[in-house]
Amino acid sequence: MGSVEDQELKEEYSSEEVSQSLNLSLEEIQKFQNEGVFDFLDDQHQKLDHKNFLRLKSAVSLYRELGVNLAGIDIILSMKEKMSHLQTEFNDLLVQVQKKLGNQIQKDMSEISKNLKKDS
């Protein structure tokens, strides 16, 4: 069996799959879950959706590569998600402004064209 990342995108992953893919013990996975880093879809069967798998993967990277403690990891990931949300909102606003400017430019160009025809 390959790593989770080598498999097709799935709706859910078992703790065993996650453990193998991220080289974590089940106890380590439980520690991350207890700190609120991710949530199981179903506590009884301990399955993760893809979003929570990616969140756990980022957490493990922060923990192993940068030495960030578990409490800090949750804060960093929450801030990252908020920044991503703000970026999406900004992009949506930018699209709206561009549309309004485009409409206003078309209106102004049409008015200029009419005035030029009158003057001719």
C-alpha atoms as a PDB file:
ATOM      1  CA  MET A   1       0.000   0.000   0.000  1.00  0.00           C
ATOM      2  CA  GLY A   2       1.387   3.442  -0.983  1.00  0.00           C
ATOM      3  CA  SER A   3       1.213   6.611   1.038  1.00  0.00           C
ATOM      4  CA  VAL A   4      -2.013   8.587   1.299  1.00  0.00           C
ATOM      5  CA  GLU A   5      -0.513  11.200  -1.015  1.00  0.00           C
ATOM      6  CA  ASP A   6       0.119   8.588  -3.731  1.00  0.00           C
ATOM      7  CA  GLN A   7      -3.497   7.463  -3.670  1.00  0.00           C
ATOM      8  CA  GLU A   8      -6.408   9.146  -5.389  1.00  0.00           C
ATOM      9  CA  LEU A   9      -8.080  11.905  -3.427  1.00  0.00           C
ATOM     10  CA  LYS A  10     -10.374  10.159  -0.989  1.00  0.00           C
ATOM     11  CA  GLU A  11     -13.202  11.429   1.146  1.00  0.00           C
ATOM     12  CA  GLU A  12     -11.770   9.870   4.273  1.00  0.00           C
ATOM     13  CA  TYR A  13      -8.626   8.248   5.601  1.00  0.00           C
ATOM     14  CA  SER A  14      -8.207   5.756   8.411  1.00  0.00           C
ATOM     15  CA  SER A  15      -5.844   6.471  11.287  1.00  0.00           C
ATOM     16  CA  GLU A  16      -3.695   3.596  10.076  1.00  0.00           C
ATOM     17  CA  GLU A  17      -3.332   5.149   6.608  1.00  0.00           C
ATOM     18  CA  VAL A  18      -2.468   8.506   8.147  1.00  0.00           C
ATOM     19  CA  SER A  19      -0.026   6.874  10.546  1.00  0.00           C
ATOM     20  CA  GLN A  20       1.828   5.168   7.696  1.00  0.00           C
ATOM     21  CA  SER A  21       1.804   8.202   5.426  1.00  0.00           C
ATOM     22  CA  LEU A  22       3.037  10.694   8.028  1.00  0.00           C
ATOM     23  CA  ASN A  23       5.190   8.232   9.968  1.00  0.00           C
ATOM     24  CA  LEU A  24       3.270   8.885  13.188  1.00  0.00           C
ATOM     25  CA  SER A  25       2.216   6.499  15.905  1.00  0.00           C
ATOM     26  CA  LEU A  26      -1.465   6.322  16.714  1.00  0.00           C
ATOM     27  CA  GLU A  27      -0.631   7.919  20.080  1.00  0.00           C
ATOM     28  CA  GLU A  28       1.011  10.875  18.322  1.00  0.00           C
ATOM     29  CA  ILE A  29      -2.042  11.283  16.101  1.00  0.00           C
ATOM     30  CA  GLN A  30      -4.186  11.305  19.247  1.00  0.00           C
ATOM     31  CA  LYS A  31      -1.973  14.024  20.804  1.00  0.00           C
ATOM     32  CA  PHE A  32      -2.466  16.257  17.767  1.00  0.00           C
ATOM     33  CA  GLN A  33      -6.209  15.601  17.899  1.00  0.00           C
ATOM     34  CA  ASN A  34      -6.379  16.336  21.640  1.00  0.00           C
ATOM     35  CA  GLU A  35      -4.681  19.714  21.024  1.00  0.00           C
ATOM     36  CA  GLY A  36      -7.383  20.606  18.516  1.00  0.00           C
ATOM     37  CA  VAL A  37      -5.108  20.500  15.482  1.00  0.00           C
ATOM     38  CA  PHE A  38      -7.682  18.440  13.573  1.00  0.00           C
ATOM     39  CA  ASP A  39     -10.984  16.674  14.131  1.00  0.00           C
ATOM     40  CA  PHE A  40     -11.911  13.122  13.316  1.00  0.00           C
ATOM     41  CA  LEU A  41     -14.976  12.680  11.137  1.00  0.00           C
ATOM     42  CA  ASP A  42     -16.094   9.975  13.527  1.00  0.00           C
ATOM     43  CA  ASP A  43     -14.367   9.498  16.896  1.00  0.00           C
ATOM     44  CA  GLN A  44     -15.363   5.856  17.091  1.00  0.00           C
ATOM     45  CA  HIS A  45     -13.737   4.895  13.778  1.00  0.00           C
ATOM     46  CA  GLN A  46     -11.096   7.649  13.860  1.00  0.00           C
ATOM     47  CA  LYS A  47     -11.286   8.677  10.219  1.00  0.00           C
ATOM     48  CA  LEU A  48     -10.077  11.977   8.787  1.00  0.00           C
ATOM     49  CA  ASP A  49     -11.352  13.855   5.764  1.00  0.00           C
ATOM     50  CA  HIS A  50      -8.852  15.185   3.230  1.00  0.00           C
ATOM     51  CA  LYS A  51      -8.910  18.719   4.665  1.00  0.00           C
ATOM     52  CA  ASN A  52      -8.035  17.440   8.150  1.00  0.00           C
ATOM     53  CA  PHE A  53      -5.379  15.124   6.719  1.00  0.00           C
ATOM     54  CA  LEU A  54      -3.697  18.127   5.055  1.00  0.00           C
ATOM     55  CA  ARG A  55      -4.016  20.140   8.277  1.00  0.00           C
ATOM     56  CA  LEU A  56      -2.373  17.316  10.251  1.00  0.00           C
ATOM     57  CA  LYS A  57       0.353  17.012   7.618  1.00  0.00           C
ATOM     58  CA  SER A  58       1.124  20.740   7.978  1.00  0.00           C
ATOM     59  CA  ALA A  59       1.110  20.387  11.758  1.00  0.00           C
ATOM     60  CA  VAL A  60       3.573  17.503  11.644  1.00  0.00           C
ATOM     61  CA  SER A  61       5.835  19.541   9.381  1.00  0.00           C
ATOM     62  CA  LEU A  62       5.761  22.523  11.753  1.00  0.00           C
ATOM     63  CA  TYR A  63       6.456  20.218  14.696  1.00  0.00           C
ATOM     64  CA  ARG A  64       9.284  18.238  13.124  1.00  0.00           C
ATOM     65  CA  GLU A  65      10.994  20.800  10.919  1.00  0.00           C
ATOM     66  CA  LEU A  66      10.562  23.985  12.942  1.00  0.00           C
ATOM     67  CA  GLY A  67      10.145  22.643  16.467  1.00  0.00           C
ATOM     68  CA  VAL A  68       6.823  24.434  17.021  1.00  0.00           C
ATOM     69  CA  ASN A  69       4.939  23.100  20.048  1.00  0.00           C
ATOM     70  CA  LEU A  70       1.424  21.719  19.716  1.00  0.00           C
ATOM     71  CA  ALA A  71      -0.307  24.813  21.110  1.00  0.00           C
ATOM     72  CA  GLY A  72       1.634  27.020  18.690  1.00  0.00           C
ATOM     73  CA  ILE A  73       0.769  24.779  15.769  1.00  0.00           C
ATOM     74  CA  ASP A  74      -2.970  25.271  16.255  1.00  0.00           C
ATOM     75  CA  ILE A  75      -2.492  29.051  16.403  1.00  0.00           C
ATOM     76  CA  ILE A  76      -0.332  29.079  13.257  1.00  0.00           C
ATOM     77  CA  LEU A  77      -2.745  26.904  11.285  1.00  0.00           C
ATOM     78  CA  SER A  78      -5.738  28.980  12.396  1.00  0.00           C
ATOM     79  CA  MET A  79      -3.980  32.182  11.332  1.00  0.00           C
ATOM     80  CA  LYS A  80      -3.061  30.590   8.002  1.00  0.00           C
ATOM     81  CA  GLU A  81      -6.712  29.658   7.403  1.00  0.00           C
ATOM     82  CA  LYS A  82      -7.864  33.177   8.329  1.00  0.00           C
ATOM     83  CA  MET A  83      -5.318  34.689   5.953  1.00  0.00           C
ATOM     84  CA  SER A  84      -6.498  32.379   3.185  1.00  0.00           C
ATOM     85  CA  HIS A  85     -10.103  33.400   3.853  1.00  0.00           C
ATOM     86  CA  LEU A  86      -9.148  37.100   3.779  1.00  0.00           C
ATOM     87  CA  GLN A  87      -7.261  36.568   0.505  1.00  0.00           C
ATOM     88  CA  THR A  88     -10.374  34.999  -1.016  1.00  0.00           C
ATOM     89  CA  GLU A  89     -12.530  37.911   0.176  1.00  0.00           C
ATOM     90  CA  PHE A  90     -10.003  40.409  -1.217  1.00  0.00           C
ATOM     91  CA  ASN A  91      -9.946  38.632  -4.582  1.00  0.00           C
ATOM     92  CA  ASP A  92     -13.765  38.652  -4.712  1.00  0.00           C
ATOM     93  CA  LEU A  93     -13.804  42.364  -3.929  1.00  0.00           C
ATOM     94  CA  LEU A  94     -11.183  43.021  -6.609  1.00  0.00           C
ATOM     95  CA  VAL A  95     -13.318  41.213  -9.199  1.00  0.00           C
ATOM     96  CA  GLN A  96     -16.330  43.336  -8.220  1.00  0.00           C
ATOM     97  CA  VAL A  97     -14.312  46.568  -8.526  1.00  0.00           C
ATOM     98  CA  GLN A  98     -12.958  45.496 -11.917  1.00  0.00           C
ATOM     99  CA  LYS A  99     -16.490  44.761 -13.162  1.00  0.00           C
ATOM    100  CA  LYS A 100     -17.791  48.113 -11.949  1.00  0.00           C
ATOM    101  CA  LEU A 101     -14.854  49.951 -13.490  1.00  0.00           C
ATOM    102  CA  GLY A 102     -15.316  48.062 -16.732  1.00  0.00           C
ATOM    103  CA  ASN A 103     -19.017  48.945 -16.808  1.00  0.00           C
ATOM    104  CA  GLN A 104     -18.276  52.584 -16.032  1.00  0.00           C
ATOM    105  CA  ILE A 105     -15.616  52.755 -18.752  1.00  0.00           C
ATOM    106  CA  GLN A 106     -18.038  51.265 -21.289  1.00  0.00           C
ATOM    107  CA  LYS A 107     -20.672  53.794 -20.277  1.00  0.00           C
ATOM    108  CA  ASP A 108     -18.196  56.683 -20.512  1.00  0.00           C
ATOM    109  CA  MET A 109     -16.904  55.502 -23.912  1.00  0.00           C
ATOM    110  CA  SER A 110     -20.447  55.239 -25.210  1.00  0.00           C
ATOM    111  CA  GLU A 111     -21.190  58.783 -24.020  1.00  0.00           C
ATOM    112  CA  ILE A 112     -18.004  60.106 -25.646  1.00  0.00           C
ATOM    113  CA  SER A 113     -18.883  58.339 -28.897  1.00  0.00           C
ATOM    114  CA  LYS A 114     -22.368  59.921 -28.882  1.00  0.00           C
ATOM    115  CA  ASN A 115     -20.916  63.365 -28.237  1.00  0.00           C
ATOM    116  CA  LEU A 116     -18.402  62.973 -31.039  1.00  0.00           C
ATOM    117  CA  LYS A 117     -21.158  61.997 -33.480  1.00  0.00           C
ATOM    118  CA  LYS A 118     -23.171  65.073 -32.454  1.00  0.00           C
ATOM    119  CA  ASP A 119     -20.175  67.347 -33.005  1.00  0.00           C
ATOM    120  CA  SER A 120     -19.472  65.916 -36.478  1.00  0.00           C
END
